[in-house]
Amino acid sequence: MSTILYQRVLPIKDGNLVVTLAQATALSDTVTLPRMSGTVGKVAQLRRPGDAALTVSQTNATAVAVTFTSIGQEILLVSHHLAPIPAPTGDGA
Protein backbone atom coordinates (compact mmCIF):
# COMPACT_ATOMS: atom_id res chain seq x y z
CA MET A 1 0.00 0.00 0.00
CA SER A 2 1.32 3.44 -0.91
CA THR A 3 2.53 5.76 1.82
CA ILE A 4 0.44 8.91 2.20
CA LEU A 5 2.83 11.82 2.66
CA TYR A 6 0.23 14.60 2.87
CA GLN A 7 -3.54 14.87 2.81
CA ARG A 8 -5.85 17.89 3.06
CA VAL A 9 -9.63 18.30 2.97
CA LEU A 10 -10.90 21.30 0.99
CA PRO A 11 -14.58 22.17 1.55
CA ILE A 12 -16.56 23.02 -1.60
CA LYS A 13 -20.25 23.62 -2.23
CA ASP A 14 -22.17 20.41 -1.41
CA GLY A 15 -19.07 18.33 -0.71
CA ASN A 16 -15.32 18.14 -0.13
CA LEU A 17 -12.23 17.69 -2.23
CA VAL A 18 -9.40 15.70 -0.71
CA VAL A 19 -5.89 16.36 -2.00
CA THR A 20 -3.49 13.48 -1.33
CA LEU A 21 0.23 13.18 -2.00
CA ALA A 22 1.20 9.49 -1.96
CA GLN A 23 4.49 7.66 -2.55
CA ALA A 24 4.82 4.26 -4.23
CA THR A 25 6.01 1.27 -2.25
CA ALA A 26 5.48 -1.04 -5.28
CA LEU A 27 5.05 -0.55 -9.04
CA SER A 28 1.39 -1.61 -8.85
CA ASP A 29 0.11 -0.02 -5.69
CA THR A 30 -3.06 1.04 -3.92
CA VAL A 31 -3.88 4.32 -2.21
CA THR A 32 -6.62 4.15 0.44
CA LEU A 33 -8.63 7.36 0.67
CA PRO A 34 -11.50 8.53 2.84
CA ARG A 35 -14.86 7.31 1.52
CA MET A 36 -15.51 9.01 -1.84
CA SER A 37 -18.91 10.18 -3.11
CA GLY A 38 -19.15 7.27 -5.56
CA THR A 39 -17.40 4.11 -6.67
CA VAL A 40 -16.19 5.30 -10.11
CA GLY A 41 -14.90 8.55 -11.56
CA LYS A 42 -14.33 10.38 -8.27
CA VAL A 43 -10.52 10.61 -8.30
CA ALA A 44 -7.92 11.99 -10.71
CA GLN A 45 -4.19 12.64 -10.87
CA LEU A 46 -3.06 16.26 -10.73
CA ARG A 47 0.21 16.61 -12.60
CA ARG A 48 2.83 18.98 -11.29
CA PRO A 49 5.62 20.14 -13.61
CA GLY A 50 7.83 17.11 -14.23
CA ASP A 51 5.26 14.53 -13.07
CA ALA A 52 4.67 11.55 -15.34
CA ALA A 53 1.12 10.65 -16.30
CA LEU A 54 0.32 7.49 -14.35
CA THR A 55 -2.47 4.95 -14.67
CA VAL A 56 -5.06 5.71 -11.97
CA SER A 57 -8.27 3.71 -11.49
CA GLN A 58 -10.79 3.82 -8.68
CA THR A 59 -11.60 0.27 -7.56
CA ASN A 60 -14.29 1.11 -4.96
CA ALA A 61 -15.39 3.94 -2.64
CA THR A 62 -12.08 3.97 -0.73
CA ALA A 63 -9.39 2.40 -2.95
CA VAL A 64 -7.43 3.77 -5.90
CA ALA A 65 -5.11 1.52 -7.93
CA VAL A 66 -2.03 3.25 -9.37
CA THR A 67 0.61 1.90 -11.76
CA PHE A 68 3.88 3.67 -11.00
CA THR A 69 7.05 3.71 -13.12
CA SER A 70 9.42 3.49 -10.12
CA ILE A 71 9.40 2.72 -6.40
CA GLY A 72 9.40 5.93 -4.36
CA GLN A 73 7.63 7.89 -7.09
CA GLU A 74 5.03 10.38 -5.86
CA ILE A 75 1.52 11.03 -7.16
CA LEU A 76 -0.81 13.92 -6.39
CA LEU A 77 -4.47 12.87 -6.32
CA VAL A 78 -7.67 14.89 -5.95
CA SER A 79 -10.88 13.11 -5.00
CA HIS A 80 -14.53 14.11 -4.47
CA HIS A 81 -16.31 13.36 -1.19
CA LEU A 82 -19.62 14.14 0.48
CA ALA A 83 -19.87 16.59 3.37
CA PRO A 84 -19.37 15.32 5.98
CA ILE A 85 -17.13 12.52 4.73
CA PRO A 86 -18.78 9.18 5.72
CA ALA A 87 -16.96 6.48 7.65
CA PRO A 88 -14.77 4.36 5.31
CA THR A 89 -16.69 1.09 5.61
CA GLY A 90 -17.81 -1.19 2.77
CA ASP A 91 -17.19 -0.88 -0.94
CA GLY A 92 -20.38 0.92 -1.92
CA ALA A 93 -20.87 4.66 -1.85
PDB file of N, CA and C in Angstrom:
ATOM      1  N   MET A   1       0.831  -1.166   0.000  1.00  0.00           N
ATOM      2  CA  MET A   1       0.000   0.000   0.000  1.00  0.00           C
ATOM      3  C   MET A   1       0.882   1.239   0.000  1.00  0.00           C
ATOM      4  N   SER A   2       0.556   2.207  -0.817  1.00  0.00           N
ATOM      5  CA  SER A   2       1.318   3.444  -0.906  1.00  0.00           C
ATOM      6  C   SER A   2       1.354   4.170   0.430  1.00  0.00           C
ATOM      7  N   THR A   3       2.408   4.932   0.633  1.00  0.00           N
ATOM      8  CA  THR A   3       2.531   5.764   1.823  1.00  0.00           C
ATOM      9  C   THR A   3       1.928   7.128   1.533  1.00  0.00           C
ATOM     10  N   ILE A   4       1.014   7.565   2.357  1.00  0.00           N
ATOM     11  CA  ILE A   4       0.443   8.907   2.203  1.00  0.00           C
ATOM     12  C   ILE A   4       1.370   9.891   2.907  1.00  0.00           C
ATOM     13  N   LEU A   5       1.909  10.833   2.127  1.00  0.00           N
ATOM     14  CA  LEU A   5       2.834  11.825   2.659  1.00  0.00           C
ATOM     15  C   LEU A   5       2.103  13.058   3.168  1.00  0.00           C
ATOM     16  N   TYR A   6       0.970  13.379   2.528  1.00  0.00           N
ATOM     17  CA  TYR A   6       0.232  14.598   2.869  1.00  0.00           C
ATOM     18  C   TYR A   6      -1.209  14.420   2.414  1.00  0.00           C
ATOM     19  N   GLN A   7      -2.141  14.944   3.203  1.00  0.00           N
ATOM     20  CA  GLN A   7      -3.544  14.873   2.809  1.00  0.00           C
ATOM     21  C   GLN A   7      -4.264  16.074   3.414  1.00  0.00           C
ATOM     22  N   ARG A   8      -5.107  16.713   2.588  1.00  0.00           N
ATOM     23  CA  ARG A   8      -5.845  17.890   3.056  1.00  0.00           C
ATOM     24  C   ARG A   8      -7.259  17.864   2.512  1.00  0.00           C
ATOM     25  N   VAL A   9      -8.219  18.211   3.357  1.00  0.00           N
ATOM     26  CA  VAL A   9      -9.626  18.303   2.967  1.00  0.00           C
ATOM     27  C   VAL A   9      -9.929  19.753   2.630  1.00  0.00           C
ATOM     28  N   LEU A  10     -10.528  19.961   1.441  1.00  0.00           N
ATOM     29  CA  LEU A  10     -10.904  21.297   0.990  1.00  0.00           C
ATOM     30  C   LEU A  10     -12.419  21.352   0.815  1.00  0.00           C
ATOM     31  N   PRO A  11     -13.135  22.082   1.680  1.00  0.00           N
ATOM     32  CA  PRO A  11     -14.584  22.168   1.552  1.00  0.00           C
ATOM     33  C   PRO A  11     -14.980  22.902   0.266  1.00  0.00           C
ATOM     34  N   ILE A  12     -15.980  22.369  -0.424  1.00  0.00           N
ATOM     35  CA  ILE A  12     -16.555  23.019  -1.601  1.00  0.00           C
ATOM     36  C   ILE A  12     -18.072  22.977  -1.432  1.00  0.00           C
ATOM     37  N   LYS A  13     -18.795  23.635  -2.316  1.00  0.00           N
ATOM     38  CA  LYS A  13     -20.252  23.615  -2.233  1.00  0.00           C
ATOM     39  C   LYS A  13     -20.759  22.172  -2.366  1.00  0.00           C
ATOM     40  N   ASP A  14     -21.557  21.745  -1.412  1.00  0.00           N
ATOM     41  CA  ASP A  14     -22.175  20.412  -1.413  1.00  0.00           C
ATOM     42  C   ASP A  14     -21.177  19.263  -1.374  1.00  0.00           C
ATOM     43  N   GLY A  15     -20.005  19.432  -0.796  1.00  0.00           N
ATOM     44  CA  GLY A  15     -19.069  18.330  -0.705  1.00  0.00           C
ATOM     45  C   GLY A  15     -17.701  18.751  -0.219  1.00  0.00           C
ATOM     46  N   ASN A  16     -16.725  17.897  -0.483  1.00  0.00           N
ATOM     47  CA  ASN A  16     -15.323  18.137  -0.128  1.00  0.00           C
ATOM     48  C   ASN A  16     -14.442  17.600  -1.239  1.00  0.00           C
ATOM     49  N   LEU A  17     -13.310  18.251  -1.433  1.00  0.00           N
ATOM     50  CA  LEU A  17     -12.234  17.686  -2.235  1.00  0.00           C
ATOM     51  C   LEU A  17     -11.152  17.260  -1.254  1.00  0.00           C
ATOM     52  N   VAL A  18     -10.529  16.133  -1.516  1.00  0.00           N
ATOM     53  CA  VAL A  18      -9.397  15.702  -0.705  1.00  0.00           C
ATOM     54  C   VAL A  18      -8.185  15.638  -1.623  1.00  0.00           C
ATOM     55  N   VAL A  19      -7.145  16.359  -1.242  1.00  0.00           N
ATOM     56  CA  VAL A  19      -5.892  16.361  -1.995  1.00  0.00           C
ATOM     57  C   VAL A  19      -4.929  15.456  -1.241  1.00  0.00           C
ATOM     58  N   THR A  20      -4.361  14.477  -1.950  1.00  0.00           N
ATOM     59  CA  THR A  20      -3.495  13.479  -1.331  1.00  0.00           C
ATOM     60  C   THR A  20      -2.192  13.365  -2.114  1.00  0.00           C
ATOM     61  N   LEU A  21      -1.076  13.445  -1.409  1.00  0.00           N
ATOM     62  CA  LEU A  21       0.234  13.181  -1.998  1.00  0.00           C
ATOM     63  C   LEU A  21       0.675  11.826  -1.461  1.00  0.00           C
ATOM     64  N   ALA A  22       0.832  10.853  -2.360  1.00  0.00           N
ATOM     65  CA  ALA A  22       1.201   9.491  -1.961  1.00  0.00           C
ATOM     66  C   ALA A  22       2.497   9.087  -2.649  1.00  0.00           C
ATOM     67  N   GLN A  23       3.214   8.158  -2.023  1.00  0.00           N
ATOM     68  CA  GLN A  23       4.486   7.660  -2.551  1.00  0.00           C
ATOM     69  C   GLN A  23       4.400   6.146  -2.737  1.00  0.00           C
ATOM     70  N   ALA A  24       4.887   5.682  -3.882  1.00  0.00           N
ATOM     71  CA  ALA A  24       4.818   4.257  -4.231  1.00  0.00           C
ATOM     72  C   ALA A  24       5.735   3.414  -3.353  1.00  0.00           C
ATOM     73  N   THR A  25       5.193   2.279  -2.918  1.00  0.00           N
ATOM     74  CA  THR A  25       6.009   1.267  -2.247  1.00  0.00           C
ATOM     75  C   THR A  25       6.151   0.035  -3.142  1.00  0.00           C
ATOM     76  N   ALA A  26       5.416   0.025  -4.275  1.00  0.00           N
ATOM     77  CA  ALA A  26       5.485  -1.039  -5.285  1.00  0.00           C
ATOM     78  C   ALA A  26       5.073  -0.434  -6.621  1.00  0.00           C
ATOM     79  N   LEU A  27       5.405  -1.091  -7.725  1.00  0.00           N
ATOM     80  CA  LEU A  27       5.049  -0.548  -9.041  1.00  0.00           C
ATOM     81  C   LEU A  27       3.541  -0.555  -9.287  1.00  0.00           C
ATOM     82  N   SER A  28       2.854  -1.586  -8.835  1.00  0.00           N
ATOM     83  CA  SER A  28       1.387  -1.612  -8.855  1.00  0.00           C
ATOM     84  C   SER A  28       0.965  -1.463  -7.411  1.00  0.00           C
ATOM     85  N   ASP A  29       0.353  -0.348  -7.081  1.00  0.00           N
ATOM     86  CA  ASP A  29       0.112  -0.021  -5.694  1.00  0.00           C
ATOM     87  C   ASP A  29      -1.310   0.492  -5.502  1.00  0.00           C
ATOM     88  N   THR A  30      -1.736   0.551  -4.261  1.00  0.00           N
ATOM     89  CA  THR A  30      -3.061   1.045  -3.920  1.00  0.00           C
ATOM     90  C   THR A  30      -2.948   2.192  -2.934  1.00  0.00           C
ATOM     91  N   VAL A  31      -3.770   3.212  -3.143  1.00  0.00           N
ATOM     92  CA  VAL A  31      -3.881   4.323  -2.206  1.00  0.00           C
ATOM     93  C   VAL A  31      -5.269   4.222  -1.586  1.00  0.00           C
ATOM     94  N   THR A  32      -5.333   4.198  -0.263  1.00  0.00           N
ATOM     95  CA  THR A  32      -6.617   4.152   0.437  1.00  0.00           C
ATOM     96  C   THR A  32      -6.985   5.563   0.862  1.00  0.00           C
ATOM     97  N   LEU A  33      -8.148   6.008   0.400  1.00  0.00           N
ATOM     98  CA  LEU A  33      -8.627   7.364   0.667  1.00  0.00           C
ATOM     99  C   LEU A  33      -9.855   7.326   1.567  1.00  0.00           C
ATOM    100  N   PRO A  34     -10.220   8.474   2.148  1.00  0.00           N
ATOM    101  CA  PRO A  34     -11.505   8.527   2.842  1.00  0.00           C
ATOM    102  C   PRO A  34     -12.619   8.163   1.856  1.00  0.00           C
ATOM    103  N   ARG A  35     -13.746   7.750   2.351  1.00  0.00           N
ATOM    104  CA  ARG A  35     -14.864   7.305   1.515  1.00  0.00           C
ATOM    105  C   ARG A  35     -15.276   8.388   0.518  1.00  0.00           C
ATOM    106  N   MET A  36     -15.171   8.065  -0.778  1.00  0.00           N
ATOM    107  CA  MET A  36     -15.512   9.012  -1.840  1.00  0.00           C
ATOM    108  C   MET A  36     -17.015   9.031  -2.093  1.00  0.00           C
ATOM    109  N   SER A  37     -17.474   9.987  -2.869  1.00  0.00           N
ATOM    110  CA  SER A  37     -18.908  10.182  -3.107  1.00  0.00           C
ATOM    111  C   SER A  37     -19.495   9.177  -4.094  1.00  0.00           C
ATOM    112  N   GLY A  38     -18.693   8.306  -4.642  1.00  0.00           N
ATOM    113  CA  GLY A  38     -19.148   7.270  -5.563  1.00  0.00           C
ATOM    114  C   GLY A  38     -18.069   6.229  -5.723  1.00  0.00           C
ATOM    115  N   THR A  39     -18.363   5.194  -6.514  1.00  0.00           N
ATOM    116  CA  THR A  39     -17.403   4.105  -6.668  1.00  0.00           C
ATOM    117  C   THR A  39     -16.612   4.178  -7.971  1.00  0.00           C
ATOM    118  N   VAL A  40     -16.947   5.111  -8.863  1.00  0.00           N
ATOM    119  CA  VAL A  40     -16.195   5.303 -10.106  1.00  0.00           C
ATOM    120  C   VAL A  40     -16.124   6.793 -10.446  1.00  0.00           C
ATOM    121  N   GLY A  41     -15.029   7.196 -11.035  1.00  0.00           N
ATOM    122  CA  GLY A  41     -14.899   8.548 -11.563  1.00  0.00           C
ATOM    123  C   GLY A  41     -14.805   9.656 -10.538  1.00  0.00           C
ATOM    124  N   LYS A  42     -14.390   9.357  -9.322  1.00  0.00           N
ATOM    125  CA  LYS A  42     -14.333  10.383  -8.273  1.00  0.00           C
ATOM    126  C   LYS A  42     -12.913  10.758  -7.863  1.00  0.00           C
ATOM    127  N   VAL A  43     -11.910  10.300  -8.623  1.00  0.00           N
ATOM    128  CA  VAL A  43     -10.515  10.613  -8.298  1.00  0.00           C
ATOM    129  C   VAL A  43      -9.740  10.819  -9.599  1.00  0.00           C
ATOM    130  N   ALA A  44      -8.760  11.724  -9.540  1.00  0.00           N
ATOM    131  CA  ALA A  44      -7.917  11.993 -10.710  1.00  0.00           C
ATOM    132  C   ALA A  44      -6.522  12.404 -10.247  1.00  0.00           C
ATOM    133  N   GLN A  45      -5.554  12.194 -11.128  1.00  0.00           N
ATOM    134  CA  GLN A  45      -4.187  12.639 -10.868  1.00  0.00           C
ATOM    135  C   GLN A  45      -4.068  14.105 -11.248  1.00  0.00           C
ATOM    136  N   LEU A  46      -3.450  14.901 -10.383  1.00  0.00           N
ATOM    137  CA  LEU A  46      -3.060  16.259 -10.728  1.00  0.00           C
ATOM    138  C   LEU A  46      -1.575  16.217 -11.038  1.00  0.00           C
ATOM    139  N   ARG A  47      -1.195  16.696 -12.206  1.00  0.00           N
ATOM    140  CA  ARG A  47       0.214  16.612 -12.603  1.00  0.00           C
ATOM    141  C   ARG A  47       0.913  17.924 -12.335  1.00  0.00           C
ATOM    142  N   ARG A  48       1.961  17.842 -11.525  1.00  0.00           N
ATOM    143  CA  ARG A  48       2.827  18.981 -11.287  1.00  0.00           C
ATOM    144  C   ARG A  48       3.875  19.012 -12.393  1.00  0.00           C
ATOM    145  N   PRO A  49       4.562  20.126 -12.605  1.00  0.00           N
ATOM    146  CA  PRO A  49       5.618  20.136 -13.607  1.00  0.00           C
ATOM    147  C   PRO A  49       6.615  19.013 -13.335  1.00  0.00           C
ATOM    148  N   GLY A  50       6.890  18.218 -14.353  1.00  0.00           N
ATOM    149  CA  GLY A  50       7.831  17.110 -14.226  1.00  0.00           C
ATOM    150  C   GLY A  50       7.201  15.782 -13.828  1.00  0.00           C
ATOM    151  N   ASP A  51       5.924  15.789 -13.422  1.00  0.00           N
ATOM    152  CA  ASP A  51       5.256  14.534 -13.069  1.00  0.00           C
ATOM    153  C   ASP A  51       4.899  13.743 -14.318  1.00  0.00           C
ATOM    154  N   ALA A  52       5.089  12.434 -14.254  1.00  0.00           N
ATOM    155  CA  ALA A  52       4.673  11.547 -15.344  1.00  0.00           C
ATOM    156  C   ALA A  52       3.185  11.257 -15.203  1.00  0.00           C
ATOM    157  N   ALA A  53       2.515  11.077 -16.329  1.00  0.00           N
ATOM    158  CA  ALA A  53       1.117  10.646 -16.300  1.00  0.00           C
ATOM    159  C   ALA A  53       1.100   9.177 -15.902  1.00  0.00           C
ATOM    160  N   LEU A  54       0.387   8.853 -14.850  1.00  0.00           N
ATOM    161  CA  LEU A  54       0.324   7.487 -14.347  1.00  0.00           C
ATOM    162  C   LEU A  54      -1.076   6.925 -14.556  1.00  0.00           C
ATOM    163  N   THR A  55      -1.176   5.608 -14.545  1.00  0.00           N
ATOM    164  CA  THR A  55      -2.473   4.951 -14.667  1.00  0.00           C
ATOM    165  C   THR A  55      -3.134   4.948 -13.298  1.00  0.00           C
ATOM    166  N   VAL A  56      -4.312   5.585 -13.216  1.00  0.00           N
ATOM    167  CA  VAL A  56      -5.059   5.709 -11.970  1.00  0.00           C
ATOM    168  C   VAL A  56      -6.455   5.159 -12.205  1.00  0.00           C
ATOM    169  N   SER A  57      -6.904   4.228 -11.356  1.00  0.00           N
ATOM    170  CA  SER A  57      -8.267   3.712 -11.487  1.00  0.00           C
ATOM    171  C   SER A  57      -8.867   3.498 -10.105  1.00  0.00           C
ATOM    172  N   GLN A  58     -10.076   3.984  -9.941  1.00  0.00           N
ATOM    173  CA  GLN A  58     -10.790   3.821  -8.684  1.00  0.00           C
ATOM    174  C   GLN A  58     -11.389   2.422  -8.665  1.00  0.00           C
ATOM    175  N   THR A  59     -11.101   1.636  -7.620  1.00  0.00           N
ATOM    176  CA  THR A  59     -11.599   0.272  -7.562  1.00  0.00           C
ATOM    177  C   THR A  59     -12.838   0.124  -6.685  1.00  0.00           C
ATOM    178  N   ASN A  60     -13.070   1.048  -5.763  1.00  0.00           N
ATOM    179  CA  ASN A  60     -14.295   1.107  -4.958  1.00  0.00           C
ATOM    180  C   ASN A  60     -14.371   2.477  -4.299  1.00  0.00           C
ATOM    181  N   ALA A  61     -15.183   2.627  -3.253  1.00  0.00           N
ATOM    182  CA  ALA A  61     -15.389   3.940  -2.644  1.00  0.00           C
ATOM    183  C   ALA A  61     -14.199   4.436  -1.833  1.00  0.00           C
ATOM    184  N   THR A  62     -13.225   3.554  -1.537  1.00  0.00           N
ATOM    185  CA  THR A  62     -12.082   3.973  -0.726  1.00  0.00           C
ATOM    186  C   THR A  62     -10.717   3.626  -1.322  1.00  0.00           C
ATOM    187  N   ALA A  63     -10.668   2.875  -2.413  1.00  0.00           N
ATOM    188  CA  ALA A  63      -9.387   2.402  -2.946  1.00  0.00           C
ATOM    189  C   ALA A  63      -9.129   2.910  -4.363  1.00  0.00           C
ATOM    190  N   VAL A  64      -7.879   3.303  -4.585  1.00  0.00           N
ATOM    191  CA  VAL A  64      -7.428   3.765  -5.896  1.00  0.00           C
ATOM    192  C   VAL A  64      -6.196   2.955  -6.281  1.00  0.00           C
ATOM    193  N   ALA A  65      -6.247   2.282  -7.425  1.00  0.00           N
ATOM    194  CA  ALA A  65      -5.108   1.521  -7.933  1.00  0.00           C
ATOM    195  C   ALA A  65      -4.259   2.442  -8.811  1.00  0.00           C
ATOM    196  N   VAL A  66      -2.955   2.405  -8.606  1.00  0.00           N
ATOM    197  CA  VAL A  66      -2.030   3.246  -9.367  1.00  0.00           C
ATOM    198  C   VAL A  66      -0.905   2.372  -9.896  1.00  0.00           C
ATOM    199  N   THR A  67      -0.549   2.560 -11.171  1.00  0.00           N
ATOM    200  CA  THR A  67       0.613   1.900 -11.755  1.00  0.00           C
ATOM    201  C   THR A  67       1.725   2.936 -11.849  1.00  0.00           C
ATOM    202  N   PHE A  68       2.748   2.745 -11.046  1.00  0.00           N
ATOM    203  CA  PHE A  68       3.882   3.668 -11.001  1.00  0.00           C
ATOM    204  C   PHE A  68       4.968   3.204 -11.964  1.00  0.00           C
ATOM    205  N   THR A  69       5.915   4.082 -12.282  1.00  0.00           N
ATOM    206  CA  THR A  69       7.046   3.713 -13.122  1.00  0.00           C
ATOM    207  C   THR A  69       8.291   3.411 -12.293  1.00  0.00           C
ATOM    208  N   SER A  70       8.291   3.807 -10.993  1.00  0.00           N
ATOM    209  CA  SER A  70       9.419   3.489 -10.117  1.00  0.00           C
ATOM    210  C   SER A  70       8.972   3.521  -8.655  1.00  0.00           C
ATOM    211  N   ILE A  71       9.645   2.732  -7.844  1.00  0.00           N
ATOM    212  CA  ILE A  71       9.401   2.722  -6.404  1.00  0.00           C
ATOM    213  C   ILE A  71       9.851   4.076  -5.850  1.00  0.00           C
ATOM    214  N   GLY A  72       9.072   4.638  -4.947  1.00  0.00           N
ATOM    215  CA  GLY A  72       9.403   5.934  -4.363  1.00  0.00           C
ATOM    216  C   GLY A  72       8.810   7.108  -5.123  1.00  0.00           C
ATOM    217  N   GLN A  73       8.252   6.838  -6.295  1.00  0.00           N
ATOM    218  CA  GLN A  73       7.630   7.890  -7.093  1.00  0.00           C
ATOM    219  C   GLN A  73       6.417   8.445  -6.350  1.00  0.00           C
ATOM    220  N   GLU A  74       6.163   9.742  -6.514  1.00  0.00           N
ATOM    221  CA  GLU A  74       5.030  10.383  -5.865  1.00  0.00           C
ATOM    222  C   GLU A  74       3.916  10.645  -6.864  1.00  0.00           C
ATOM    223  N   ILE A  75       2.676  10.674  -6.354  1.00  0.00           N
ATOM    224  CA  ILE A  75       1.521  11.026  -7.158  1.00  0.00           C
ATOM    225  C   ILE A  75       0.646  11.970  -6.340  1.00  0.00           C
ATOM    226  N   LEU A  76       0.106  12.975  -7.007  1.00  0.00           N
ATOM    227  CA  LEU A  76      -0.813  13.921  -6.394  1.00  0.00           C
ATOM    228  C   LEU A  76      -2.213  13.597  -6.896  1.00  0.00           C
ATOM    229  N   LEU A  77      -3.108  13.246  -5.979  1.00  0.00           N
ATOM    230  CA  LEU A  77      -4.474  12.868  -6.324  1.00  0.00           C
ATOM    231  C   LEU A  77      -5.453  13.887  -5.764  1.00  0.00           C
ATOM    232  N   VAL A  78      -6.554  14.109  -6.478  1.00  0.00           N
ATOM    233  CA  VAL A  78      -7.666  14.890  -5.947  1.00  0.00           C
ATOM    234  C   VAL A  78      -8.911  14.022  -6.078  1.00  0.00           C
ATOM    235  N   SER A  79      -9.697  13.969  -5.009  1.00  0.00           N
ATOM    236  CA  SER A  79     -10.881  13.110  -5.001  1.00  0.00           C
ATOM    237  C   SER A  79     -12.081  13.887  -4.462  1.00  0.00           C
ATOM    238  N   HIS A  80     -13.288  13.451  -4.885  1.00  0.00           N
ATOM    239  CA  HIS A  80     -14.529  14.108  -4.468  1.00  0.00           C
ATOM    240  C   HIS A  80     -15.220  13.285  -3.386  1.00  0.00           C
ATOM    241  N   HIS A  81     -15.689  13.986  -2.347  1.00  0.00           N
ATOM    242  CA  HIS A  81     -16.311  13.356  -1.192  1.00  0.00           C
ATOM    243  C   HIS A  81     -17.553  14.137  -0.783  1.00  0.00           C
ATOM    244  N   LEU A  82     -18.446  13.471  -0.072  1.00  0.00           N
ATOM    245  CA  LEU A  82     -19.619  14.141   0.476  1.00  0.00           C
ATOM    246  C   LEU A  82     -19.213  14.976   1.682  1.00  0.00           C
ATOM    247  N   ALA A  83     -20.115  15.811   2.155  1.00  0.00           N
ATOM    248  CA  ALA A  83     -19.871  16.585   3.371  1.00  0.00           C
ATOM    249  C   ALA A  83     -20.986  16.273   4.354  1.00  0.00           C
ATOM    250  N   PRO A  84     -20.696  15.754   5.532  1.00  0.00           N
ATOM    251  CA  PRO A  84     -19.371  15.322   5.979  1.00  0.00           C
ATOM    252  C   PRO A  84     -18.936  14.031   5.281  1.00  0.00           C
ATOM    253  N   ILE A  85     -17.655  13.737   5.353  1.00  0.00           N
ATOM    254  CA  ILE A  85     -17.129  12.521   4.733  1.00  0.00           C
ATOM    255  C   ILE A  85     -17.586  11.329   5.571  1.00  0.00           C
ATOM    256  N   PRO A  86     -18.304  10.359   4.951  1.00  0.00           N
ATOM    257  CA  PRO A  86     -18.779   9.185   5.717  1.00  0.00           C
ATOM    258  C   PRO A  86     -17.632   8.283   6.165  1.00  0.00           C
ATOM    259  N   ALA A  87     -17.938   7.463   7.167  1.00  0.00           N
ATOM    260  CA  ALA A  87     -16.960   6.481   7.654  1.00  0.00           C
ATOM    261  C   ALA A  87     -16.551   5.560   6.498  1.00  0.00           C
ATOM    262  N   PRO A  88     -15.272   5.173   6.426  1.00  0.00           N
ATOM    263  CA  PRO A  88     -14.769   4.359   5.311  1.00  0.00           C
ATOM    264  C   PRO A  88     -15.067   2.875   5.469  1.00  0.00           C
ATOM    265  N   THR A  89     -16.348   2.498   5.486  1.00  0.00           N
ATOM    266  CA  THR A  89     -16.692   1.085   5.609  1.00  0.00           C
ATOM    267  C   THR A  89     -17.419   0.615   4.364  1.00  0.00           C
ATOM    268  N   GLY A  90     -17.152  -0.608   3.947  1.00  0.00           N
ATOM    269  CA  GLY A  90     -17.812  -1.185   2.774  1.00  0.00           C
ATOM    270  C   GLY A  90     -17.288  -0.634   1.471  1.00  0.00           C
ATOM    271  N   ASP A  91     -17.665  -1.277   0.383  1.00  0.00           N
ATOM    272  CA  ASP A  91     -17.192  -0.883  -0.939  1.00  0.00           C
ATOM    273  C   ASP A  91     -18.167   0.029  -1.676  1.00  0.00           C
ATOM    274  N   GLY A  92     -19.394   0.084  -1.246  1.00  0.00           N
ATOM    275  CA  GLY A  92     -20.375   0.921  -1.919  1.00  0.00           C
ATOM    276  C   GLY A  92     -20.227   2.373  -1.522  1.00  0.00           C
ATOM    277  N   ALA A  93     -20.922   3.239  -2.207  1.00  0.00           N
ATOM    278  CA  ALA A  93     -20.874   4.663  -1.852  1.00  0.00           C
ATOM    279  C   ALA A  93     -22.229   5.098  -1.355  1.00  0.00           C
TER     280      ALA A  93
END
